[in-house]
C-alpha atoms as a PDB file:
ATOM      1  CA  UNK A   1      12.311  46.888  -6.700  1.00  0.00           C
ATOM      2  CA  UNK A   2      11.791  50.638  -6.445  1.00  0.00           C
ATOM      3  CA  UNK A   3      10.612  51.739  -2.989  1.00  0.00           C
ATOM      4  CA  UNK A   4       9.596  55.395  -2.652  1.00  0.00           C
ATOM      5  CA  UNK A   5      11.598  57.328  -0.059  1.00  0.00           C
ATOM      6  CA  UNK A   6       9.309  58.332   2.816  1.00  0.00           C
ATOM      7  CA  UNK A   7       9.803  59.501   6.390  1.00  0.00           C
ATOM      8  CA  UNK A   8       7.365  56.864   7.652  1.00  0.00           C
ATOM      9  CA  UNK A   9       5.734  53.812   6.070  1.00  0.00           C
ATOM     10  CA  UNK A  10       2.415  52.109   6.820  1.00  0.00           C
ATOM     11  CA  UNK A  11       0.741  48.751   6.331  1.00  0.00           C
ATOM     12  CA  UNK A  12      -0.506  49.997   2.970  1.00  0.00           C
ATOM     13  CA  UNK A  13       3.076  50.671   1.809  1.00  0.00           C
ATOM     14  CA  UNK A  14       4.235  47.321   3.170  1.00  0.00           C
ATOM     15  CA  UNK A  15       1.506  45.442   1.308  1.00  0.00           C
ATOM     16  CA  UNK A  16       2.734  46.925  -1.995  1.00  0.00           C
ATOM     17  CA  UNK A  17       6.088  45.159  -1.603  1.00  0.00           C
ATOM     18  CA  UNK A  18       6.517  41.996  -3.681  1.00  0.00           C
ATOM     19  CA  UNK A  19       5.823  38.754  -1.818  1.00  0.00           C
ATOM     20  CA  UNK A  20       8.968  37.514  -0.105  1.00  0.00           C
ATOM     21  CA  UNK A  21      10.637  40.953  -0.024  1.00  0.00           C
ATOM     22  CA  UNK A  22      13.170  40.857   2.855  1.00  0.00           C
ATOM     23  CA  UNK A  23      11.578  43.651   4.904  1.00  0.00           C
ATOM     24  CA  UNK A  24       9.864  44.180   8.210  1.00  0.00           C
ATOM     25  CA  UNK A  25       7.987  47.323   9.227  1.00  0.00           C
ATOM     26  CA  UNK A  26       9.098  48.543  12.647  1.00  0.00           C
ATOM     27  CA  UNK A  27       7.893  51.885  13.996  1.00  0.00           C
ATOM     28  CA  UNK A  28       7.061  53.020  10.461  1.00  0.00           C
ATOM     29  CA  UNK A  29      10.522  52.180   9.096  1.00  0.00           C
ATOM     30  CA  UNK A  30      11.195  49.509   6.483  1.00  0.00           C
ATOM     31  CA  UNK A  31      13.982  47.317   7.858  1.00  0.00           C
ATOM     32  CA  UNK A  32      15.746  45.108   5.330  1.00  0.00           C
ATOM     33  CA  UNK A  33      17.251  41.820   6.501  1.00  0.00           C
ATOM     34  CA  UNK A  34      19.639  39.618   4.555  1.00  0.00           C
ATOM     35  CA  UNK A  35      18.856  35.917   4.321  1.00  0.00           C
ATOM     36  CA  UNK A  36      19.590  33.932   7.473  1.00  0.00           C
ATOM     37  CA  UNK A  37      22.810  31.961   7.905  1.00  0.00           C
ATOM     38  CA  UNK A  38      22.891  28.187   7.741  1.00  0.00           C
ATOM     39  CA  UNK A  39      23.502  28.104  11.512  1.00  0.00           C
ATOM     40  CA  UNK A  40      20.414  30.258  12.057  1.00  0.00           C
ATOM     41  CA  UNK A  41      18.345  27.984   9.822  1.00  0.00           C
ATOM     42  CA  UNK A  42      19.618  24.849  11.571  1.00  0.00           C
ATOM     43  CA  UNK A  43      18.502  26.249  14.946  1.00  0.00           C
ATOM     44  CA  UNK A  44      15.160  27.366  13.533  1.00  0.00           C
ATOM     45  CA  UNK A  45      14.554  23.918  12.045  1.00  0.00           C
ATOM     46  CA  UNK A  46      15.378  22.160  15.331  1.00  0.00           C
ATOM     47  CA  UNK A  47      12.932  24.375  17.210  1.00  0.00           C
ATOM     48  CA  UNK A  48      10.239  23.920  14.568  1.00  0.00           C
ATOM     49  CA  UNK A  49      10.698  20.131  14.572  1.00  0.00           C
ATOM     50  CA  UNK A  50      10.265  20.093  18.350  1.00  0.00           C
ATOM     51  CA  UNK A  51       7.366  22.560  18.567  1.00  0.00           C
ATOM     52  CA  UNK A  52       5.191  21.534  15.635  1.00  0.00           C
ATOM     53  CA  UNK A  53       4.510  17.864  16.471  1.00  0.00           C
ATOM     54  CA  UNK A  54       3.992  18.683  20.162  1.00  0.00           C
ATOM     55  CA  UNK A  55       1.486  21.454  19.433  1.00  0.00           C
ATOM     56  CA  UNK A  56      -0.349  19.374  16.798  1.00  0.00           C
ATOM     57  CA  UNK A  57      -0.428  16.195  18.901  1.00  0.00           C
ATOM     58  CA  UNK A  58      -1.995  18.057  21.829  1.00  0.00           C
ATOM     59  CA  UNK A  59      -4.298  20.262  19.704  1.00  0.00           C
ATOM     60  CA  UNK A  60      -2.875  23.425  21.261  1.00  0.00           C
ATOM     61  CA  UNK A  61      -2.879  25.800  18.279  1.00  0.00           C
ATOM     62  CA  UNK A  62      -0.729  26.744  15.313  1.00  0.00           C
ATOM     63  CA  UNK A  63       3.039  27.229  14.873  1.00  0.00           C
ATOM     64  CA  UNK A  64       4.404  29.493  12.122  1.00  0.00           C
ATOM     65  CA  UNK A  65       7.951  30.171  10.957  1.00  0.00           C
ATOM     66  CA  UNK A  66       9.601  32.956   8.974  1.00  0.00           C
ATOM     67  CA  UNK A  67       8.896  34.459   6.596  1.00  0.00           C
ATOM     68  CA  UNK A  68       5.371  34.965   7.896  1.00  0.00           C
ATOM     69  CA  UNK A  69       3.936  38.366   8.766  1.00  0.00           C
ATOM     70  CA  UNK A  70       2.502  39.433  12.112  1.00  0.00           C
ATOM     71  CA  UNK A  71       0.686  42.793  12.007  1.00  0.00           C
ATOM     72  CA  UNK A  72       0.854  44.454  15.392  1.00  0.00           C
ATOM     73  CA  UNK A  73      -0.264  47.913  14.197  1.00  0.00           C
ATOM     74  CA  UNK A  74      -0.488  50.038  11.055  1.00  0.00           C
ATOM     75  CA  UNK A  75       3.239  50.807  11.406  1.00  0.00           C
ATOM     76  CA  UNK A  76       4.497  47.519  12.825  1.00  0.00           C
ATOM     77  CA  UNK A  77       4.594  44.312  10.772  1.00  0.00           C
ATOM     78  CA  UNK A  78       7.230  41.802  11.846  1.00  0.00           C
ATOM     79  CA  UNK A  79       8.450  38.396  10.729  1.00  0.00           C
ATOM     80  CA  UNK A  80       9.476  36.471  13.850  1.00  0.00           C
ATOM     81  CA  UNK A  81      11.593  33.380  13.314  1.00  0.00           C
ATOM     82  CA  UNK A  82       8.921  31.224  14.991  1.00  0.00           C
ATOM     83  CA  UNK A  83       5.652  31.947  16.733  1.00  0.00           C
ATOM     84  CA  UNK A  84       2.697  30.185  18.281  1.00  0.00           C
ATOM     85  CA  UNK A  85      -1.019  31.050  18.366  1.00  0.00           C
ATOM     86  CA  UNK A  86      -3.275  29.226  20.848  1.00  0.00           C
ATOM     87  CA  UNK A  87      -6.320  27.441  19.434  1.00  0.00           C
ATOM     88  CA  UNK A  88      -8.717  29.865  21.108  1.00  0.00           C
ATOM     89  CA  UNK A  89      -6.945  32.785  19.401  1.00  0.00           C
ATOM     90  CA  UNK A  90      -6.688  31.326  15.892  1.00  0.00           C
ATOM     91  CA  UNK A  91      -9.253  33.908  14.736  1.00  0.00           C
ATOM     92  CA  UNK A  92      -6.208  36.227  14.493  1.00  0.00           C
ATOM     93  CA  UNK A  93      -4.892  34.174  11.561  1.00  0.00           C
ATOM     94  CA  UNK A  94      -5.872  35.950   8.362  1.00  0.00           C
ATOM     95  CA  UNK A  95      -5.194  35.067   4.726  1.00  0.00           C
ATOM     96  CA  UNK A  96      -2.093  37.300   4.512  1.00  0.00           C
ATOM     97  CA  UNK A  97      -0.868  37.660   8.085  1.00  0.00           C
ATOM     98  CA  UNK A  98      -1.655  37.250  11.733  1.00  0.00           C
ATOM     99  CA  UNK A  99      -3.652  40.244  13.004  1.00  0.00           C
ATOM    100  CA  UNK A 100      -2.343  40.778  16.523  1.00  0.00           C
ATOM    101  CA  UNK A 101       0.159  39.494  19.031  1.00  0.00           C
ATOM    102  CA  UNK A 102       0.985  35.780  19.086  1.00  0.00           C
ATOM    103  CA  UNK A 103       1.112  33.927  22.398  1.00  0.00           C
ATOM    104  CA  UNK A 104       4.796  33.013  22.024  1.00  0.00           C
ATOM    105  CA  UNK A 105       7.423  34.611  19.789  1.00  0.00           C
ATOM    106  CA  UNK A 106      10.918  33.232  19.197  1.00  0.00           C
ATOM    107  CA  UNK A 107      13.726  35.255  17.618  1.00  0.00           C
ATOM    108  CA  UNK A 108      17.127  33.758  16.791  1.00  0.00           C
ATOM    109  CA  UNK A 109      19.898  36.330  16.995  1.00  0.00           C
ATOM    110  CA  UNK A 110      22.110  37.013  14.011  1.00  0.00           C
ATOM    111  CA  UNK A 111      24.614  39.840  13.485  1.00  0.00           C
ATOM    112  CA  UNK A 112      22.212  41.741  11.224  1.00  0.00           C
ATOM    113  CA  UNK A 113      19.176  41.411  13.509  1.00  0.00           C
ATOM    114  CA  UNK A 114      20.539  41.433  17.070  1.00  0.00           C
ATOM    115  CA  UNK A 115      19.853  45.134  17.701  1.00  0.00           C
ATOM    116  CA  UNK A 116      16.254  44.863  16.519  1.00  0.00           C
ATOM    117  CA  UNK A 117      15.592  41.589  18.355  1.00  0.00           C
ATOM    118  CA  UNK A 118      17.148  42.709  21.660  1.00  0.00           C
ATOM    119  CA  UNK A 119      15.897  46.300  21.724  1.00  0.00           C
ATOM    120  CA  UNK A 120      13.292  47.438  19.228  1.00  0.00           C
ATOM    121  CA  UNK A 121      11.394  44.202  18.801  1.00  0.00           C
ATOM    122  CA  UNK A 122      11.516  43.400  22.511  1.00  0.00           C
ATOM    123  CA  UNK A 123       9.991  46.809  23.269  1.00  0.00           C
ATOM    124  CA  UNK A 124       7.460  46.384  20.461  1.00  0.00           C
ATOM    125  CA  UNK A 125       6.415  42.927  21.686  1.00  0.00           C
ATOM    126  CA  UNK A 126       6.054  44.251  25.216  1.00  0.00           C
ATOM    127  CA  UNK A 127       3.966  47.217  23.993  1.00  0.00           C
ATOM    128  CA  UNK A 128       1.636  44.859  22.098  1.00  0.00           C
ATOM    129  CA  UNK A 129       1.433  42.468  25.052  1.00  0.00           C
ATOM    130  CA  UNK A 130       3.057  39.336  23.640  1.00  0.00           C
ATOM    131  CA  UNK A 131       2.895  37.104  26.743  1.00  0.00           C
ATOM    132  CA  UNK A 132       6.123  35.169  26.101  1.00  0.00           C
ATOM    133  CA  UNK A 133       9.232  36.088  24.107  1.00  0.00           C
ATOM    134  CA  UNK A 134      12.304  33.900  23.597  1.00  0.00           C
ATOM    135  CA  UNK A 135      15.645  35.181  22.344  1.00  0.00           C
ATOM    136  CA  UNK A 136      17.871  32.347  21.137  1.00  0.00           C
ATOM    137  CA  UNK A 137      21.575  33.260  21.065  1.00  0.00           C
ATOM    138  CA  UNK A 138      23.721  31.038  18.805  1.00  0.00           C
ATOM    139  CA  UNK A 139      26.937  32.704  20.022  1.00  0.00           C
ATOM    140  CA  UNK A 140      26.692  31.691  23.683  1.00  0.00           C
ATOM    141  CA  UNK A 141      24.224  28.804  23.220  1.00  0.00           C
ATOM    142  CA  UNK A 142      21.576  30.277  25.471  1.00  0.00           C
ATOM    143  CA  UNK A 143      17.876  31.105  25.482  1.00  0.00           C
ATOM    144  CA  UNK A 144      16.490  34.160  27.270  1.00  0.00           C
ATOM    145  CA  UNK A 145      12.803  34.001  28.151  1.00  0.00           C
ATOM    146  CA  UNK A 146      10.779  37.145  28.827  1.00  0.00           C
ATOM    147  CA  UNK A 147       7.331  36.846  30.391  1.00  0.00           C
ATOM    148  CA  UNK A 148       4.777  39.637  30.446  1.00  0.00           C
ATOM    149  CA  UNK A 149       3.790  40.581  33.994  1.00  0.00           C
ATOM    150  CA  UNK A 150       1.522  43.587  34.574  1.00  0.00           C
ATOM    151  CA  UNK A 151       2.023  44.623  30.927  1.00  0.00           C
ATOM    152  CA  UNK A 152       5.839  44.705  31.164  1.00  0.00           C
ATOM    153  CA  UNK A 153       8.529  42.087  30.640  1.00  0.00           C
ATOM    154  CA  UNK A 154      10.161  41.007  33.842  1.00  0.00           C
ATOM    155  CA  UNK A 155      13.849  40.261  34.022  1.00  0.00           C
ATOM    156  CA  UNK A 156      14.671  37.524  31.555  1.00  0.00           C
ATOM    157  CA  UNK A 157      15.381  34.023  32.711  1.00  0.00           C
ATOM    158  CA  UNK A 158      18.511  32.851  30.915  1.00  0.00           C
ATOM    159  CA  UNK A 159      18.871  29.152  30.121  1.00  0.00           C
ATOM    160  CA  UNK A 160      22.216  27.597  29.176  1.00  0.00           C
ATOM    161  CA  UNK A 161      23.203  24.288  27.590  1.00  0.00           C
ATOM    162  CA  UNK A 162      22.985  22.395  30.873  1.00  0.00           C
ATOM    163  CA  UNK A 163      19.342  23.409  31.362  1.00  0.00           C
ATOM    164  CA  UNK A 164      15.928  22.750  29.862  1.00  0.00           C
ATOM    165  CA  UNK A 165      13.647  25.592  28.801  1.00  0.00           C
ATOM    166  CA  UNK A 166       9.873  25.340  29.272  1.00  0.00           C
ATOM    167  CA  UNK A 167       7.246  27.277  27.365  1.00  0.00           C
ATOM    168  CA  UNK A 168       4.612  28.840  29.596  1.00  0.00           C
ATOM    169  CA  UNK A 169       2.196  29.452  26.698  1.00  0.00           C
ATOM    170  CA  UNK A 170       2.558  25.886  25.374  1.00  0.00           C
ATOM    171  CA  UNK A 171       1.559  23.732  28.322  1.00  0.00           C
ATOM    172  CA  UNK A 172       4.071  20.972  29.141  1.00  0.00           C
ATOM    173  CA  UNK A 173       6.426  21.809  26.242  1.00  0.00           C
ATOM    174  CA  UNK A 174      10.098  21.607  27.203  1.00  0.00           C
ATOM    175  CA  UNK A 175      13.312  21.342  25.227  1.00  0.00           C
ATOM    176  CA  UNK A 176      16.891  20.885  26.449  1.00  0.00           C
ATOM    177  CA  UNK A 177      18.865  23.952  25.405  1.00  0.00           C
ATOM    178  CA  UNK A 178      21.691  21.706  24.260  1.00  0.00           C
ATOM    179  CA  UNK A 179      19.335  20.056  21.721  1.00  0.00           C
ATOM    180  CA  UNK A 180      18.659  23.430  20.090  1.00  0.00           C
ATOM    181  CA  UNK A 181      22.328  23.933  19.232  1.00  0.00           C
ATOM    182  CA  UNK A 182      23.521  20.377  18.471  1.00  0.00           C
ATOM    183  CA  UNK A 183      24.705  19.796  14.921  1.00  0.00           C
END
């Protein structure tokens, strides 16, 4: 795959990449990510298996998992590990990607993505008014939850293995943190 060297890329450049190319577009920069680890995938699968039936059973909206594009702007297209769109906002779901901020985004930290998830993506999600953002940390078995208040993320609430995390954007959804990390 030959990608032209540019100072800044756009949605148009991103759409020329082959399907499944391991890139995200953050602040006009193409960010390449290696495939996720088996631990990362195990955690992602556990979360998906908990979220999907709950959301479907209650008719709350749609759950997506990576790789699936979310276009936040012409220079920002991300692939969150998991995300949720409420039923009343499903008009954002287009044929190629979601056109706007999801209601809940979940990122699972890995060595190659931690900087982007903790700094750049957090700031990007706040800028585009994602109401709820979870950061799942496989190293210390915790989940940090950021909620948008007055257009900024408040201080994260950190949940550990002895606690249960609740989604604000998915009414009545809870999951014990320990269940996310069990083998």
